[in-house]
Amino acid sequence: MPLLLLLITLTFTASLPHTKRQSCSSPIQRRAWHTLSTRERLSYLDAERCLMSRPAQTGAEGAVSRYDDLLGAHQHQAGWIHNTAWFLPWHRLYMRAHERLLREECGYDGAQPYWDEPRDAGRFSGADIFDAREGFGGGGEGEERCIRDGPFTDYRLHQGPGYAYEEHCISRAIDDNVSSYIGQDAIDECLSQPDFQRAWPCIETNPHTAGHRGVGGVMDNAVSSPGDPLFYLHHTFLDRVWWQWQERDLQRRLGEVTGGVPSFAEDGHWVGISLDDVMDVHGVIPSVRVRELMDIRGQALCYEYE
């Protein structure tokens, strides 16, 4: 399958020890959006709107709401979490941060759902996730492609596009052709990769890029894409794909991370990823080390997939 995005495969590698499993006792279960009941869908959407109404706390530039705090964390670290080996572990923590805010600050009693995108590949425009009453609203209209129906029509973003800080709407430009690149064949290709060095670039190319560009608008900007609430269902799906890949050789892959990340040094050199690298979400929730993010059923995460 042709790639939508050319990634530079990095040559840094590390031989890392297996992590010791310390499972939580009651992991919450993440389920596909289309399997949720009407009550469960509306409860999730209400909790998201709650985050959009609560005042910001982190001091992130441009942030007005708790929802903006999350967007600010992604915007602030975009250069280190894309096209690098941090892509999967950082976004795993980011999805957990969003899930925790929904549950701890907005009374949501469910888990973070995911969008089973291969089910809708090639026909995003007809997907039930875009329903105006029980979903996220549909595509955009007009010159700015602002969404015109659904629960988020009136929400104004204050961060983005990209690294800018401009007030704008949630926009979409759904592209069925691009969405075809997130079909099951693309997922199977990634699941078949023999090691992390090849698995994470695979996941970040077709599945990741097709989901973003298939929705378009705000989602098509790598830096500020969390402005569209669909971002969290898309990336939770990608996290599920990583977990499915891990499960194929779980004992080894709980400790397998290879590849490079940019250092914070002025010369901009790259260093190899380590299980002891610290993942930070700009103070939204406490920082953790990569090793704590390898097992979704561990104490730091405590969830599982349906």
C-alpha atoms as a PDB file:
ATOM      1  CA  MET A   1       0.000   0.000   0.000  1.00  0.00           C
ATOM      2  CA  PRO A   2       1.443   3.468  -0.869  1.00  0.00           C
ATOM      3  CA  LEU A   3       2.401   5.630   2.067  1.00  0.00           C
ATOM      4  CA  LEU A   4       0.549   8.838   2.786  1.00  0.00           C
ATOM      5  CA  LEU A   5       3.415  10.294   4.723  1.00  0.00           C
ATOM      6  CA  LEU A   6       7.149   9.696   4.351  1.00  0.00           C
ATOM      7  CA  LEU A   7       8.731   9.027   7.716  1.00  0.00           C
ATOM      8  CA  ILE A   8      12.435   9.021   8.328  1.00  0.00           C
ATOM      9  CA  THR A   9      13.257   5.678   9.915  1.00  0.00           C
ATOM     10  CA  LEU A  10      15.763   6.318  12.651  1.00  0.00           C
ATOM     11  CA  THR A  11      18.797   4.177  13.254  1.00  0.00           C
ATOM     12  CA  PHE A  12      19.130   4.492  17.007  1.00  0.00           C
ATOM     13  CA  THR A  13      18.371   1.262  18.809  1.00  0.00           C
ATOM     14  CA  ALA A  14      18.533   0.054  22.375  1.00  0.00           C
ATOM     15  CA  SER A  15      18.565  -3.373  23.932  1.00  0.00           C
ATOM     16  CA  LEU A  16      16.115  -3.012  26.755  1.00  0.00           C
ATOM     17  CA  PRO A  17      15.192  -5.364  29.580  1.00  0.00           C
ATOM     18  CA  HIS A  18      11.715  -6.768  29.976  1.00  0.00           C
ATOM     19  CA  THR A  19       9.484  -4.846  32.341  1.00  0.00           C
ATOM     20  CA  LYS A  20       8.029  -6.575  35.361  1.00  0.00           C
ATOM     21  CA  ARG A  21       4.242  -6.780  35.150  1.00  0.00           C
ATOM     22  CA  GLN A  22       2.290  -5.313  38.051  1.00  0.00           C
ATOM     23  CA  SER A  23      -1.321  -5.457  36.933  1.00  0.00           C
ATOM     24  CA  CYS A  24      -4.063  -3.328  38.416  1.00  0.00           C
ATOM     25  CA  SER A  25      -6.980  -5.190  39.969  1.00  0.00           C
ATOM     26  CA  SER A  26      -9.897  -3.585  38.085  1.00  0.00           C
ATOM     27  CA  PRO A  27      -8.980  -2.216  34.648  1.00  0.00           C
ATOM     28  CA  ILE A  28     -11.669  -0.195  32.917  1.00  0.00           C
ATOM     29  CA  GLN A  29     -12.725  -1.450  29.487  1.00  0.00           C
ATOM     30  CA  ARG A  30     -12.357   0.713  26.414  1.00  0.00           C
ATOM     31  CA  ARG A  31     -14.909  -0.093  23.733  1.00  0.00           C
ATOM     32  CA  ALA A  32     -15.611   0.900  20.146  1.00  0.00           C
ATOM     33  CA  TRP A  33     -17.917   3.896  19.732  1.00  0.00           C
ATOM     34  CA  HIS A  34     -20.403   1.988  17.573  1.00  0.00           C
ATOM     35  CA  THR A  35     -20.951  -0.560  20.377  1.00  0.00           C
ATOM     36  CA  LEU A  36     -21.931   2.040  22.984  1.00  0.00           C
ATOM     37  CA  SER A  37     -25.561   2.546  23.956  1.00  0.00           C
ATOM     38  CA  THR A  38     -27.278   5.882  23.429  1.00  0.00           C
ATOM     39  CA  ARG A  39     -26.891   6.646  27.128  1.00  0.00           C
ATOM     40  CA  GLU A  40     -23.174   5.844  27.025  1.00  0.00           C
ATOM     41  CA  ARG A  41     -22.606   8.000  23.956  1.00  0.00           C
ATOM     42  CA  LEU A  42     -24.456  10.982  25.384  1.00  0.00           C
ATOM     43  CA  SER A  43     -22.651  10.592  28.703  1.00  0.00           C
ATOM     44  CA  TYR A  44     -19.299  10.774  26.937  1.00  0.00           C
ATOM     45  CA  LEU A  45     -20.294  13.804  24.862  1.00  0.00           C
ATOM     46  CA  ASP A  46     -21.622  15.572  27.963  1.00  0.00           C
ATOM     47  CA  ALA A  47     -18.334  14.946  29.769  1.00  0.00           C
ATOM     48  CA  GLU A  48     -16.374  16.369  26.831  1.00  0.00           C
ATOM     49  CA  ARG A  49     -18.504  19.496  26.892  1.00  0.00           C
ATOM     50  CA  CYS A  50     -17.864  19.663  30.624  1.00  0.00           C
ATOM     51  CA  LEU A  51     -14.106  19.841  29.989  1.00  0.00           C
ATOM     52  CA  MET A  52     -14.765  22.615  27.497  1.00  0.00           C
ATOM     53  CA  SER A  53     -16.626  24.594  30.155  1.00  0.00           C
ATOM     54  CA  ARG A  54     -14.190  24.192  33.062  1.00  0.00           C
ATOM     55  CA  PRO A  55     -11.470  26.837  33.482  1.00  0.00           C
ATOM     56  CA  ALA A  56      -7.899  26.105  32.452  1.00  0.00           C
ATOM     57  CA  GLN A  57      -5.398  25.207  35.161  1.00  0.00           C
ATOM     58  CA  THR A  58      -1.990  24.579  33.588  1.00  0.00           C
ATOM     59  CA  GLY A  59      -1.130  28.051  32.343  1.00  0.00           C
ATOM     60  CA  ALA A  60      -0.682  26.804  28.778  1.00  0.00           C
ATOM     61  CA  GLU A  61      -0.565  29.701  26.344  1.00  0.00           C
ATOM     62  CA  GLY A  62      -3.985  30.452  24.882  1.00  0.00           C
ATOM     63  CA  ALA A  63      -5.781  27.989  27.161  1.00  0.00           C
ATOM     64  CA  VAL A  64      -9.227  29.030  28.373  1.00  0.00           C
ATOM     65  CA  SER A  65     -10.664  25.640  29.362  1.00  0.00           C
ATOM     66  CA  ARG A  66      -9.493  22.295  30.719  1.00  0.00           C
ATOM     67  CA  TYR A  67      -9.987  20.994  27.190  1.00  0.00           C
ATOM     68  CA  ASP A  68      -7.524  23.658  26.059  1.00  0.00           C
ATOM     69  CA  ASP A  69      -5.033  22.503  28.700  1.00  0.00           C
ATOM     70  CA  LEU A  70      -4.874  19.188  26.873  1.00  0.00           C
ATOM     71  CA  LEU A  71      -4.553  20.821  23.468  1.00  0.00           C
ATOM     72  CA  GLY A  72      -1.756  23.012  24.832  1.00  0.00           C
ATOM     73  CA  ALA A  73       0.196  19.962  25.994  1.00  0.00           C
ATOM     74  CA  HIS A  74       0.111  18.512  22.479  1.00  0.00           C
ATOM     75  CA  GLN A  75       0.909  21.826  20.834  1.00  0.00           C
ATOM     76  CA  HIS A  76       3.833  22.401  23.217  1.00  0.00           C
ATOM     77  CA  GLN A  77       5.451  19.017  22.519  1.00  0.00           C
ATOM     78  CA  ALA A  78       4.463  18.395  18.899  1.00  0.00           C
ATOM     79  CA  GLY A  79       8.062  18.495  17.681  1.00  0.00           C
ATOM     80  CA  TRP A  80       9.120  15.633  19.960  1.00  0.00           C
ATOM     81  CA  ILE A  81       6.117  13.317  19.646  1.00  0.00           C
ATOM     82  CA  HIS A  82       5.715  12.997  15.877  1.00  0.00           C
ATOM     83  CA  ASN A  83       8.034  11.106  13.532  1.00  0.00           C
ATOM     84  CA  THR A  84       9.937   9.911  16.600  1.00  0.00           C
ATOM     85  CA  ALA A  85       9.948   6.790  18.742  1.00  0.00           C
ATOM     86  CA  TRP A  86       8.015   8.704  21.406  1.00  0.00           C
ATOM     87  CA  PHE A  87       4.936   8.786  19.157  1.00  0.00           C
ATOM     88  CA  LEU A  88       3.201   5.721  20.597  1.00  0.00           C
ATOM     89  CA  PRO A  89       4.110   5.937  24.311  1.00  0.00           C
ATOM     90  CA  TRP A  90       3.465   9.678  24.559  1.00  0.00           C
ATOM     91  CA  HIS A  91       0.064   9.450  22.914  1.00  0.00           C
ATOM     92  CA  ARG A  92      -0.793   6.485  25.132  1.00  0.00           C
ATOM     93  CA  LEU A  93      -0.219   8.730  28.158  1.00  0.00           C
ATOM     94  CA  TYR A  94      -2.103  11.576  26.473  1.00  0.00           C
ATOM     95  CA  MET A  95      -5.185   9.407  25.927  1.00  0.00           C
ATOM     96  CA  ARG A  96      -5.028   8.380  29.576  1.00  0.00           C
ATOM     97  CA  ALA A  97      -4.786  12.041  30.616  1.00  0.00           C
ATOM     98  CA  HIS A  98      -7.941  12.844  28.656  1.00  0.00           C
ATOM     99  CA  GLU A  99      -9.714   9.816  30.102  1.00  0.00           C
ATOM    100  CA  ARG A 100      -8.753  10.790  33.650  1.00  0.00           C
ATOM    101  CA  LEU A 101     -10.015  14.355  33.262  1.00  0.00           C
ATOM    102  CA  LEU A 102     -13.351  13.090  31.960  1.00  0.00           C
ATOM    103  CA  ARG A 103     -13.713  10.698  34.883  1.00  0.00           C
ATOM    104  CA  GLU A 104     -12.194  12.708  37.721  1.00  0.00           C
ATOM    105  CA  GLU A 105     -13.371  16.221  36.880  1.00  0.00           C
ATOM    106  CA  CYS A 106     -16.542  15.709  34.861  1.00  0.00           C
ATOM    107  CA  GLY A 107     -18.218  12.682  36.443  1.00  0.00           C
ATOM    108  CA  TYR A 108     -17.874  10.373  33.449  1.00  0.00           C
ATOM    109  CA  ASP A 109     -18.272   6.755  34.559  1.00  0.00           C
ATOM    110  CA  GLY A 110     -17.087   5.055  31.376  1.00  0.00           C
ATOM    111  CA  ALA A 111     -13.739   4.497  29.683  1.00  0.00           C
ATOM    112  CA  GLN A 112     -12.241   6.333  26.723  1.00  0.00           C
ATOM    113  CA  PRO A 113     -13.937   4.880  23.609  1.00  0.00           C
ATOM    114  CA  TYR A 114     -12.189   4.386  20.291  1.00  0.00           C
ATOM    115  CA  TRP A 115     -13.321   4.773  16.712  1.00  0.00           C
ATOM    116  CA  ASP A 116     -13.120   1.438  14.887  1.00  0.00           C
ATOM    117  CA  GLU A 117     -11.961   3.227  11.760  1.00  0.00           C
ATOM    118  CA  PRO A 118     -11.392   0.232   9.454  1.00  0.00           C
ATOM    119  CA  ARG A 119     -15.142  -0.381   9.773  1.00  0.00           C
ATOM    120  CA  ASP A 120     -15.724   3.015   8.116  1.00  0.00           C
ATOM    121  CA  ALA A 121     -12.676   3.119   5.834  1.00  0.00           C
ATOM    122  CA  GLY A 122     -13.489   4.618   2.460  1.00  0.00           C
ATOM    123  CA  ARG A 123     -16.843   5.963   3.677  1.00  0.00           C
ATOM    124  CA  PHE A 124     -16.115   8.307   6.552  1.00  0.00           C
ATOM    125  CA  SER A 125     -18.824  10.665   5.310  1.00  0.00           C
ATOM    126  CA  GLY A 126     -21.481   8.064   6.142  1.00  0.00           C
ATOM    127  CA  ALA A 127     -20.060   6.935   9.482  1.00  0.00           C
ATOM    128  CA  ASP A 128     -22.457   6.999  12.429  1.00  0.00           C
ATOM    129  CA  ILE A 129     -19.800   8.685  14.554  1.00  0.00           C
ATOM    130  CA  PHE A 130     -20.694  11.897  12.690  1.00  0.00           C
ATOM    131  CA  ASP A 131     -24.340  11.713  13.785  1.00  0.00           C
ATOM    132  CA  ALA A 132     -25.644  15.107  14.905  1.00  0.00           C
ATOM    133  CA  ARG A 133     -27.431  13.848  18.037  1.00  0.00           C
ATOM    134  CA  GLU A 134     -25.512  10.795  19.263  1.00  0.00           C
ATOM    135  CA  GLY A 135     -22.178  11.598  17.654  1.00  0.00           C
ATOM    136  CA  PHE A 136     -19.704  14.375  16.987  1.00  0.00           C
ATOM    137  CA  GLY A 137     -21.569  16.228  14.261  1.00  0.00           C
ATOM    138  CA  GLY A 138     -20.744  16.051  10.583  1.00  0.00           C
ATOM    139  CA  GLY A 139     -18.509  17.740   8.054  1.00  0.00           C
ATOM    140  CA  GLY A 140     -17.866  21.439   7.779  1.00  0.00           C
ATOM    141  CA  GLU A 141     -19.469  24.008   5.546  1.00  0.00           C
ATOM    142  CA  GLY A 142     -18.540  27.384   4.122  1.00  0.00           C
ATOM    143  CA  GLU A 143     -15.127  28.868   3.482  1.00  0.00           C
ATOM    144  CA  GLU A 144     -13.804  27.981   6.944  1.00  0.00           C
ATOM    145  CA  ARG A 145     -15.406  24.496   6.909  1.00  0.00           C
ATOM    146  CA  CYS A 146     -16.903  25.045  10.379  1.00  0.00           C
ATOM    147  CA  ILE A 147     -19.050  22.161  11.605  1.00  0.00           C
ATOM    148  CA  ARG A 148     -22.753  23.080  11.482  1.00  0.00           C
ATOM    149  CA  ASP A 149     -24.408  20.424  13.630  1.00  0.00           C
ATOM    150  CA  GLY A 150     -23.725  18.240  16.628  1.00  0.00           C
ATOM    151  CA  PRO A 151     -22.680  19.000  20.205  1.00  0.00           C
ATOM    152  CA  PHE A 152     -19.571  21.078  19.444  1.00  0.00           C
ATOM    153  CA  THR A 153     -20.835  23.607  16.907  1.00  0.00           C
ATOM    154  CA  ASP A 154     -20.484  26.600  19.225  1.00  0.00           C
ATOM    155  CA  TYR A 155     -17.098  25.764  20.725  1.00  0.00           C
ATOM    156  CA  ARG A 156     -14.313  28.171  19.838  1.00  0.00           C
ATOM    157  CA  LEU A 157     -10.682  27.122  19.841  1.00  0.00           C
ATOM    158  CA  HIS A 158      -7.998  29.542  21.017  1.00  0.00           C
ATOM    159  CA  GLN A 159      -4.876  27.514  20.203  1.00  0.00           C
ATOM    160  CA  GLY A 160      -3.805  26.822  16.654  1.00  0.00           C
ATOM    161  CA  PRO A 161      -3.893  26.462  13.772  1.00  0.00           C
ATOM    162  CA  GLY A 162      -0.482  24.930  14.275  1.00  0.00           C
ATOM    163  CA  TYR A 163       1.614  26.985  16.668  1.00  0.00           C
ATOM    164  CA  ALA A 164      -0.581  30.073  16.303  1.00  0.00           C
ATOM    165  CA  TYR A 165      -3.035  31.322  18.945  1.00  0.00           C
ATOM    166  CA  GLU A 166      -6.101  32.440  17.036  1.00  0.00           C
ATOM    167  CA  GLU A 167      -9.777  32.039  17.818  1.00  0.00           C
ATOM    168  CA  HIS A 168     -11.398  29.698  15.302  1.00  0.00           C
ATOM    169  CA  CYS A 169     -14.077  27.052  14.925  1.00  0.00           C
ATOM    170  CA  ILE A 170     -13.825  23.278  14.842  1.00  0.00           C
ATOM    171  CA  SER A 171     -13.586  22.594  11.120  1.00  0.00           C
ATOM    172  CA  ARG A 172     -13.780  19.404   9.063  1.00  0.00           C
ATOM    173  CA  ALA A 173     -13.344  18.474   5.407  1.00  0.00           C
ATOM    174  CA  ILE A 174     -14.166  14.768   5.258  1.00  0.00           C
ATOM    175  CA  ASP A 175     -12.380  12.882   2.469  1.00  0.00           C
ATOM    176  CA  ASP A 176     -13.640   9.359   1.779  1.00  0.00           C
ATOM    177  CA  ASN A 177     -10.784   8.578  -0.595  1.00  0.00           C
ATOM    178  CA  VAL A 178      -8.092   9.358   1.978  1.00  0.00           C
ATOM    179  CA  SER A 179     -10.014   7.454   4.645  1.00  0.00           C
ATOM    180  CA  SER A 180      -9.638   4.268   2.592  1.00  0.00           C
ATOM    181  CA  TYR A 181      -6.005   4.085   3.730  1.00  0.00           C
ATOM    182  CA  ILE A 182      -7.067   3.089   7.236  1.00  0.00           C
ATOM    183  CA  GLY A 183      -8.622  -0.171   6.066  1.00  0.00           C
ATOM    184  CA  GLN A 184      -7.953  -3.495   7.761  1.00  0.00           C
ATOM    185  CA  ASP A 185      -5.164  -4.316   5.307  1.00  0.00           C
ATOM    186  CA  ALA A 186      -3.207  -1.299   6.568  1.00  0.00           C
ATOM    187  CA  ILE A 187      -3.724  -2.417  10.166  1.00  0.00           C
ATOM    188  CA  ASP A 188      -2.683  -5.992   9.378  1.00  0.00           C
ATOM    189  CA  GLU A 189       0.494  -4.716   7.740  1.00  0.00           C
ATOM    190  CA  CYS A 190       1.466  -2.930  10.951  1.00  0.00           C
ATOM    191  CA  LEU A 191       0.553  -5.879  13.156  1.00  0.00           C
ATOM    192  CA  SER A 192       2.866  -8.072  11.093  1.00  0.00           C
ATOM    193  CA  GLN A 193       5.953  -5.939  11.729  1.00  0.00           C
ATOM    194  CA  PRO A 194       8.621  -7.947  13.572  1.00  0.00           C
ATOM    195  CA  ASP A 195       9.899  -5.239  15.907  1.00  0.00           C
ATOM    196  CA  PHE A 196       9.086  -1.830  17.381  1.00  0.00           C
ATOM    197  CA  GLN A 197      11.604  -0.137  15.086  1.00  0.00           C
ATOM    198  CA  ARG A 198       9.309  -0.983  12.169  1.00  0.00           C
ATOM    199  CA  ALA A 199       5.941  -1.103  13.930  1.00  0.00           C
ATOM    200  CA  TRP A 200       5.755   2.484  15.135  1.00  0.00           C
ATOM    201  CA  PRO A 201       6.568   4.096  11.745  1.00  0.00           C
ATOM    202  CA  CYS A 202       3.980   1.797  10.142  1.00  0.00           C
ATOM    203  CA  ILE A 203       1.290   2.865  12.600  1.00  0.00           C
ATOM    204  CA  GLU A 204       2.243   6.521  12.216  1.00  0.00           C
ATOM    205  CA  THR A 205       1.986   6.443   8.425  1.00  0.00           C
ATOM    206  CA  ASN A 206      -1.181   5.064   6.842  1.00  0.00           C
ATOM    207  CA  PRO A 207      -3.445   4.441   9.870  1.00  0.00           C
ATOM    208  CA  HIS A 208      -2.463   7.613  11.703  1.00  0.00           C
ATOM    209  CA  THR A 209      -2.317   9.945   8.732  1.00  0.00           C
ATOM    210  CA  ALA A 210      -5.438   8.581   7.036  1.00  0.00           C
ATOM    211  CA  GLY A 211      -7.517   9.136  10.163  1.00  0.00           C
ATOM    212  CA  HIS A 212      -6.395  12.736  10.457  1.00  0.00           C
ATOM    213  CA  ARG A 213      -6.656  13.669   6.794  1.00  0.00           C
ATOM    214  CA  GLY A 214      -9.804  11.643   6.268  1.00  0.00           C
ATOM    215  CA  VAL A 215     -11.577  13.911   8.771  1.00  0.00           C
ATOM    216  CA  GLY A 216      -9.690  17.013   7.634  1.00  0.00           C
ATOM    217  CA  GLY A 217      -9.983  20.548   8.914  1.00  0.00           C
ATOM    218  CA  VAL A 218      -8.626  20.909  12.444  1.00  0.00           C
ATOM    219  CA  MET A 219      -7.685  17.222  12.437  1.00  0.00           C
ATOM    220  CA  ASP A 220      -5.398  17.785   9.451  1.00  0.00           C
ATOM    221  CA  ASN A 221      -2.973  19.929  11.451  1.00  0.00           C
ATOM    222  CA  ALA A 222      -0.425  17.735  13.230  1.00  0.00           C
ATOM    223  CA  VAL A 223       0.258  20.325  15.937  1.00  0.00           C
ATOM    224  CA  SER A 224      -3.246  21.448  16.941  1.00  0.00           C
ATOM    225  CA  SER A 225      -5.384  18.465  15.864  1.00  0.00           C
ATOM    226  CA  PRO A 226      -6.666  17.756  19.426  1.00  0.00           C
ATOM    227  CA  GLY A 227      -8.943  20.740  18.861  1.00  0.00           C
ATOM    228  CA  ASP A 228     -11.407  18.290  17.290  1.00  0.00           C
ATOM    229  CA  PRO A 229     -12.807  15.894  19.939  1.00  0.00           C
ATOM    230  CA  LEU A 230     -12.597  13.084  17.370  1.00  0.00           C
ATOM    231  CA  PHE A 231      -8.831  13.203  17.895  1.00  0.00           C
ATOM    232  CA  TYR A 232      -9.138  11.219  21.109  1.00  0.00           C
ATOM    233  CA  LEU A 233     -11.147   8.395  19.547  1.00  0.00           C
ATOM    234  CA  HIS A 234      -8.755   8.210  16.607  1.00  0.00           C
ATOM    235  CA  HIS A 235      -5.636   8.023  18.761  1.00  0.00           C
ATOM    236  CA  THR A 236      -7.240   5.578  21.169  1.00  0.00           C
ATOM    237  CA  PHE A 237      -7.788   3.324  18.166  1.00  0.00           C
ATOM    238  CA  LEU A 238      -4.089   3.659  17.297  1.00  0.00           C
ATOM    239  CA  ASP A 239      -3.191   2.806  20.884  1.00  0.00           C
ATOM    240  CA  ARG A 240      -5.317  -0.320  20.548  1.00  0.00           C
ATOM    241  CA  VAL A 241      -3.389  -1.278  17.410  1.00  0.00           C
ATOM    242  CA  TRP A 242      -0.106  -0.905  19.312  1.00  0.00           C
ATOM    243  CA  TRP A 243      -1.479  -3.060  22.136  1.00  0.00           C
ATOM    244  CA  GLN A 244      -2.612  -5.709  19.645  1.00  0.00           C
ATOM    245  CA  TRP A 245       0.915  -5.699  18.227  1.00  0.00           C
ATOM    246  CA  GLN A 246       2.368  -6.025  21.734  1.00  0.00           C
ATOM    247  CA  GLU A 247       0.063  -8.931  22.565  1.00  0.00           C
ATOM    248  CA  ARG A 248       1.471 -11.000  19.700  1.00  0.00           C
ATOM    249  CA  ASP A 249       4.691 -11.410  21.711  1.00  0.00           C
ATOM    250  CA  LEU A 250       3.748  -9.817  25.006  1.00  0.00           C
ATOM    251  CA  GLN A 251       6.623 -10.921  27.225  1.00  0.00           C
ATOM    252  CA  ARG A 252       9.208  -9.434  24.869  1.00  0.00           C
ATOM    253  CA  ARG A 253       7.247  -6.439  23.644  1.00  0.00           C
ATOM    254  CA  LEU A 254       6.386  -5.103  27.091  1.00  0.00           C
ATOM    255  CA  GLY A 255      10.024  -4.018  27.179  1.00  0.00           C
ATOM    256  CA  GLU A 256      10.649  -3.264  23.514  1.00  0.00           C
ATOM    257  CA  VAL A 257      11.109   0.326  22.439  1.00  0.00           C
ATOM    258  CA  THR A 258      13.670   1.260  19.800  1.00  0.00           C
ATOM    259  CA  GLY A 259      14.288   4.303  17.674  1.00  0.00           C
ATOM    260  CA  GLY A 260      15.358   7.882  18.159  1.00  0.00           C
ATOM    261  CA  VAL A 261      14.053  11.081  19.665  1.00  0.00           C
ATOM    262  CA  PRO A 262      15.389  14.639  19.444  1.00  0.00           C
ATOM    263  CA  SER A 263      17.462  15.713  22.413  1.00  0.00           C
ATOM    264  CA  PHE A 264      16.879  19.060  24.072  1.00  0.00           C
ATOM    265  CA  ALA A 265      20.479  20.065  23.389  1.00  0.00           C
ATOM    266  CA  GLU A 266      21.168  23.151  21.303  1.00  0.00           C
ATOM    267  CA  ASP A 267      22.918  21.122  18.621  1.00  0.00           C
ATOM    268  CA  GLY A 268      19.670  19.220  18.016  1.00  0.00           C
ATOM    269  CA  HIS A 269      21.275  15.776  17.953  1.00  0.00           C
ATOM    270  CA  TRP A 270      19.137  12.663  18.344  1.00  0.00           C
ATOM    271  CA  VAL A 271      19.363  10.081  21.099  1.00  0.00           C
ATOM    272  CA  GLY A 272      17.993   6.567  21.485  1.00  0.00           C
ATOM    273  CA  ILE A 273      14.686   6.081  23.268  1.00  0.00           C
ATOM    274  CA  SER A 274      14.849   4.443  26.695  1.00  0.00           C
ATOM    275  CA  LEU A 275      12.352   2.871  29.065  1.00  0.00           C
ATOM    276  CA  ASP A 276      13.535   5.498  31.553  1.00  0.00           C
ATOM    277  CA  ASP A 277      12.591   8.451  29.345  1.00  0.00           C
ATOM    278  CA  VAL A 278      10.075  10.674  31.133  1.00  0.00           C
ATOM    279  CA  MET A 279       6.778  11.361  29.363  1.00  0.00           C
ATOM    280  CA  ASP A 280       5.200  14.687  30.264  1.00  0.00           C
ATOM    281  CA  VAL A 281       1.800  16.158  29.393  1.00  0.00           C
ATOM    282  CA  HIS A 282       2.502  19.717  30.503  1.00  0.00           C
ATOM    283  CA  GLY A 283       1.198  19.211  34.030  1.00  0.00           C
ATOM    284  CA  VAL A 284      -2.265  17.931  33.099  1.00  0.00           C
ATOM    285  CA  ILE A 285      -1.479  14.717  34.995  1.00  0.00           C
ATOM    286  CA  PRO A 286       1.805  13.629  36.618  1.00  0.00           C
ATOM    287  CA  SER A 287       4.715  12.617  34.395  1.00  0.00           C
ATOM    288  CA  VAL A 288       5.662   8.936  34.113  1.00  0.00           C
ATOM    289  CA  ARG A 289       8.501   6.932  32.606  1.00  0.00           C
ATOM    290  CA  VAL A 290       8.066   5.028  29.360  1.00  0.00           C
ATOM    291  CA  ARG A 291       8.340   1.706  31.221  1.00  0.00           C
ATOM    292  CA  GLU A 292       5.115   2.575  33.085  1.00  0.00           C
ATOM    293  CA  LEU A 293       3.304   2.963  29.759  1.00  0.00           C
ATOM    294  CA  MET A 294       4.226  -0.366  28.235  1.00  0.00           C
ATOM    295  CA  ASP A 295       1.499  -2.434  29.929  1.00  0.00           C
ATOM    296  CA  ILE A 296      -2.003  -0.987  29.653  1.00  0.00           C
ATOM    297  CA  ARG A 297      -3.125  -3.207  32.531  1.00  0.00           C
ATOM    298  CA  GLY A 298      -0.401  -1.869  34.814  1.00  0.00           C
ATOM    299  CA  GLN A 299      -0.880   0.468  37.748  1.00  0.00           C
ATOM    300  CA  ALA A 300      -0.164   3.670  35.815  1.00  0.00           C
ATOM    301  CA  LEU A 301      -2.821   3.043  33.136  1.00  0.00           C
ATOM    302  CA  CYS A 302      -5.257   0.360  34.318  1.00  0.00           C
ATOM    303  CA  TYR A 303      -7.422  -0.187  31.251  1.00  0.00           C
ATOM    304  CA  GLU A 304      -8.016  -2.875  28.648  1.00  0.00           C
ATOM    305  CA  TYR A 305      -9.659  -3.152  25.246  1.00  0.00           C
ATOM    306  CA  GLU A 306     -12.877  -4.962  24.477  1.00  0.00           C
END
